[in-house]
Amino acid sequence: MYTQHPRSERDVSRDRLLKRMADAGEGGNPKEVTRALADAKNWLSENHVGDNSVRKAQFRLLRSFPPVR
C-alpha cells in the first residue's frame, strides 16, 4: 500500500514561488515580474542551488521580460 508522505515546508515554499513566477509571466506586470525574479534569486542563494525547477522558471521570465538597462 502506498502512503503519501507529508510535503516539507521547503517543497510548499518552492511551489508557491513557482506559482507566483508563472502568474507574473502570464500577467505581464513588470513590477510583479521584477518581484518574482528577486524572490527566485533569494531562493537560489539560500542553498537551493540545485533547484532546476526554479532556475527554469527564472530563465523563462528573463527570456520573456529581459531586464532594462
N, C-alpha and C. Protein backbone atom coordinates (compact mmCIF):
# COMPACT_ATOMS: atom_id res chain seq x y z
N MET A 1 0.84 -1.18 0.00
CA MET A 1 0.00 0.00 0.00
C MET A 1 0.89 1.24 0.00
N TYR A 2 0.52 2.22 -0.80
CA TYR A 2 1.28 3.45 -0.92
C TYR A 2 0.83 4.45 0.13
N THR A 3 1.77 4.99 0.87
CA THR A 3 1.47 6.01 1.87
C THR A 3 2.07 7.32 1.39
N GLN A 4 1.25 8.32 1.30
CA GLN A 4 1.74 9.62 0.86
C GLN A 4 2.42 10.32 2.03
N HIS A 5 3.64 10.74 1.81
CA HIS A 5 4.39 11.42 2.86
C HIS A 5 4.03 12.90 2.84
N PRO A 6 4.01 13.52 4.01
CA PRO A 6 3.71 14.95 4.04
C PRO A 6 4.81 15.73 3.33
N ARG A 7 4.39 16.77 2.66
CA ARG A 7 5.35 17.59 1.93
C ARG A 7 6.09 18.49 2.90
N SER A 8 7.34 18.69 2.64
CA SER A 8 8.13 19.54 3.52
C SER A 8 7.79 21.00 3.27
N GLU A 9 8.13 21.81 4.23
CA GLU A 9 7.89 23.26 4.13
C GLU A 9 8.65 23.83 2.93
N ARG A 10 9.82 23.29 2.66
CA ARG A 10 10.62 23.75 1.52
C ARG A 10 9.90 23.48 0.20
N ASP A 11 9.29 22.31 0.07
CA ASP A 11 8.55 21.98 -1.14
C ASP A 11 7.36 22.90 -1.34
N VAL A 12 6.65 23.18 -0.25
CA VAL A 12 5.49 24.06 -0.32
C VAL A 12 5.93 25.46 -0.72
N SER A 13 7.01 25.95 -0.12
CA SER A 13 7.52 27.29 -0.45
C SER A 13 7.95 27.37 -1.91
N ARG A 14 8.62 26.30 -2.38
CA ARG A 14 9.06 26.28 -3.78
C ARG A 14 7.86 26.30 -4.73
N ASP A 15 6.84 25.53 -4.42
CA ASP A 15 5.65 25.51 -5.27
C ASP A 15 4.95 26.86 -5.29
N ARG A 16 4.91 27.53 -4.15
CA ARG A 16 4.32 28.88 -4.11
C ARG A 16 5.13 29.85 -4.96
N LEU A 17 6.45 29.76 -4.87
CA LEU A 17 7.31 30.62 -5.68
C LEU A 17 7.10 30.35 -7.17
N LEU A 18 7.04 29.09 -7.55
CA LEU A 18 6.82 28.75 -8.96
C LEU A 18 5.47 29.26 -9.45
N LYS A 19 4.45 29.17 -8.61
CA LYS A 19 3.11 29.68 -8.98
C LYS A 19 3.17 31.19 -9.15
N ARG A 20 3.85 31.88 -8.21
CA ARG A 20 3.97 33.34 -8.29
C ARG A 20 4.73 33.75 -9.55
N MET A 21 5.76 32.98 -9.91
CA MET A 21 6.53 33.29 -11.11
C MET A 21 5.69 33.06 -12.37
N ALA A 22 4.91 31.99 -12.39
CA ALA A 22 4.05 31.71 -13.55
C ALA A 22 2.98 32.79 -13.69
N ASP A 23 2.39 33.19 -12.58
CA ASP A 23 1.36 34.24 -12.62
C ASP A 23 1.95 35.57 -13.09
N ALA A 24 3.17 35.88 -12.65
CA ALA A 24 3.82 37.12 -13.08
C ALA A 24 4.09 37.09 -14.58
N GLY A 25 4.51 35.95 -15.08
CA GLY A 25 4.78 35.83 -16.52
C GLY A 25 3.52 35.95 -17.35
N GLU A 26 2.43 35.38 -16.87
CA GLU A 26 1.17 35.45 -17.60
C GLU A 26 0.55 36.83 -17.52
N GLY A 27 0.69 37.48 -16.36
CA GLY A 27 0.09 38.80 -16.17
C GLY A 27 0.85 39.89 -16.91
N GLY A 28 2.15 39.76 -16.98
CA GLY A 28 2.96 40.72 -17.72
C GLY A 28 3.20 42.03 -16.99
N ASN A 29 2.84 42.11 -15.71
CA ASN A 29 3.09 43.32 -14.93
C ASN A 29 4.57 43.38 -14.58
N PRO A 30 5.28 44.43 -15.04
CA PRO A 30 6.73 44.49 -14.80
C PRO A 30 7.11 44.46 -13.32
N LYS A 31 6.30 45.06 -12.46
CA LYS A 31 6.62 45.04 -11.03
C LYS A 31 6.51 43.63 -10.46
N GLU A 32 5.49 42.89 -10.89
CA GLU A 32 5.34 41.51 -10.42
C GLU A 32 6.47 40.63 -10.94
N VAL A 33 6.87 40.86 -12.18
CA VAL A 33 7.97 40.08 -12.77
C VAL A 33 9.26 40.36 -12.00
N THR A 34 9.54 41.63 -11.73
CA THR A 34 10.75 42.01 -11.00
C THR A 34 10.75 41.40 -9.61
N ARG A 35 9.60 41.44 -8.94
CA ARG A 35 9.49 40.88 -7.60
C ARG A 35 9.68 39.36 -7.62
N ALA A 36 9.08 38.71 -8.61
CA ALA A 36 9.21 37.25 -8.73
C ALA A 36 10.66 36.85 -9.01
N LEU A 37 11.34 37.62 -9.86
CA LEU A 37 12.74 37.32 -10.15
C LEU A 37 13.62 37.54 -8.92
N ALA A 38 13.32 38.58 -8.14
CA ALA A 38 14.08 38.82 -6.91
C ALA A 38 13.85 37.68 -5.91
N ASP A 39 12.62 37.21 -5.81
CA ASP A 39 12.32 36.09 -4.92
C ASP A 39 13.04 34.82 -5.37
N ALA A 40 13.10 34.61 -6.68
CA ALA A 40 13.80 33.43 -7.21
C ALA A 40 15.30 33.53 -6.90
N LYS A 41 15.85 34.72 -7.05
CA LYS A 41 17.27 34.91 -6.76
C LYS A 41 17.55 34.62 -5.28
N ASN A 42 16.67 35.11 -4.40
CA ASN A 42 16.84 34.83 -2.97
C ASN A 42 16.71 33.34 -2.69
N TRP A 43 15.74 32.70 -3.32
CA TRP A 43 15.52 31.27 -3.11
C TRP A 43 16.77 30.48 -3.49
N LEU A 44 17.34 30.80 -4.66
CA LEU A 44 18.51 30.07 -5.14
C LEU A 44 19.75 30.37 -4.30
N SER A 45 19.85 31.57 -3.74
CA SER A 45 21.02 31.91 -2.94
C SER A 45 20.99 31.27 -1.56
N GLU A 46 19.84 30.82 -1.12
CA GLU A 46 19.72 30.21 0.20
C GLU A 46 19.95 28.69 0.13
N ASN A 47 21.05 28.31 -0.49
CA ASN A 47 21.46 26.91 -0.58
C ASN A 47 20.49 26.03 -1.35
N HIS A 48 19.73 26.60 -2.24
CA HIS A 48 18.85 25.81 -3.11
C HIS A 48 19.41 25.85 -4.53
N VAL A 49 20.72 25.80 -4.63
CA VAL A 49 21.40 26.00 -5.90
C VAL A 49 20.99 24.97 -6.94
N GLY A 50 20.74 23.75 -6.54
CA GLY A 50 20.41 22.71 -7.50
C GLY A 50 18.95 22.62 -7.87
N ASP A 51 18.16 23.61 -7.52
CA ASP A 51 16.72 23.54 -7.76
C ASP A 51 16.42 23.95 -9.20
N ASN A 52 16.39 22.96 -10.09
CA ASN A 52 16.24 23.23 -11.52
C ASN A 52 14.88 23.80 -11.89
N SER A 53 13.83 23.46 -11.15
CA SER A 53 12.51 23.99 -11.50
C SER A 53 12.46 25.50 -11.33
N VAL A 54 13.11 26.02 -10.29
CA VAL A 54 13.15 27.47 -10.08
C VAL A 54 14.04 28.11 -11.14
N ARG A 55 15.16 27.48 -11.45
CA ARG A 55 16.05 28.02 -12.49
C ARG A 55 15.35 28.10 -13.85
N LYS A 56 14.60 27.06 -14.19
CA LYS A 56 13.88 27.06 -15.47
C LYS A 56 12.83 28.17 -15.51
N ALA A 57 12.09 28.34 -14.43
CA ALA A 57 11.08 29.40 -14.38
C ALA A 57 11.75 30.77 -14.45
N GLN A 58 12.88 30.92 -13.78
CA GLN A 58 13.63 32.17 -13.81
C GLN A 58 14.10 32.46 -15.24
N PHE A 59 14.60 31.46 -15.93
CA PHE A 59 15.06 31.62 -17.30
C PHE A 59 13.91 32.04 -18.22
N ARG A 60 12.74 31.40 -18.05
CA ARG A 60 11.57 31.75 -18.88
C ARG A 60 11.15 33.20 -18.65
N LEU A 61 11.14 33.65 -17.39
CA LEU A 61 10.77 35.03 -17.11
C LEU A 61 11.79 36.00 -17.70
N LEU A 62 13.07 35.70 -17.54
CA LEU A 62 14.10 36.59 -18.08
C LEU A 62 14.07 36.63 -19.60
N ARG A 63 13.74 35.51 -20.22
CA ARG A 63 13.65 35.49 -21.68
C ARG A 63 12.45 36.30 -22.16
N SER A 64 11.34 36.20 -21.45
CA SER A 64 10.13 36.93 -21.84
C SER A 64 10.19 38.40 -21.47
N PHE A 65 10.85 38.70 -20.35
CA PHE A 65 10.93 40.07 -19.86
C PHE A 65 12.39 40.39 -19.54
N PRO A 66 13.19 40.71 -20.57
CA PRO A 66 14.61 41.00 -20.33
C PRO A 66 14.75 42.24 -19.45
N PRO A 67 15.78 42.26 -18.59
CA PRO A 67 15.96 43.42 -17.71
C PRO A 67 16.28 44.67 -18.51
N VAL A 68 15.75 45.78 -18.03
CA VAL A 68 16.00 47.07 -18.68
C VAL A 68 17.32 47.61 -18.13
N ARG A 69 18.17 48.03 -19.03
CA ARG A 69 19.48 48.55 -18.60
C ARG A 69 19.57 50.02 -18.84
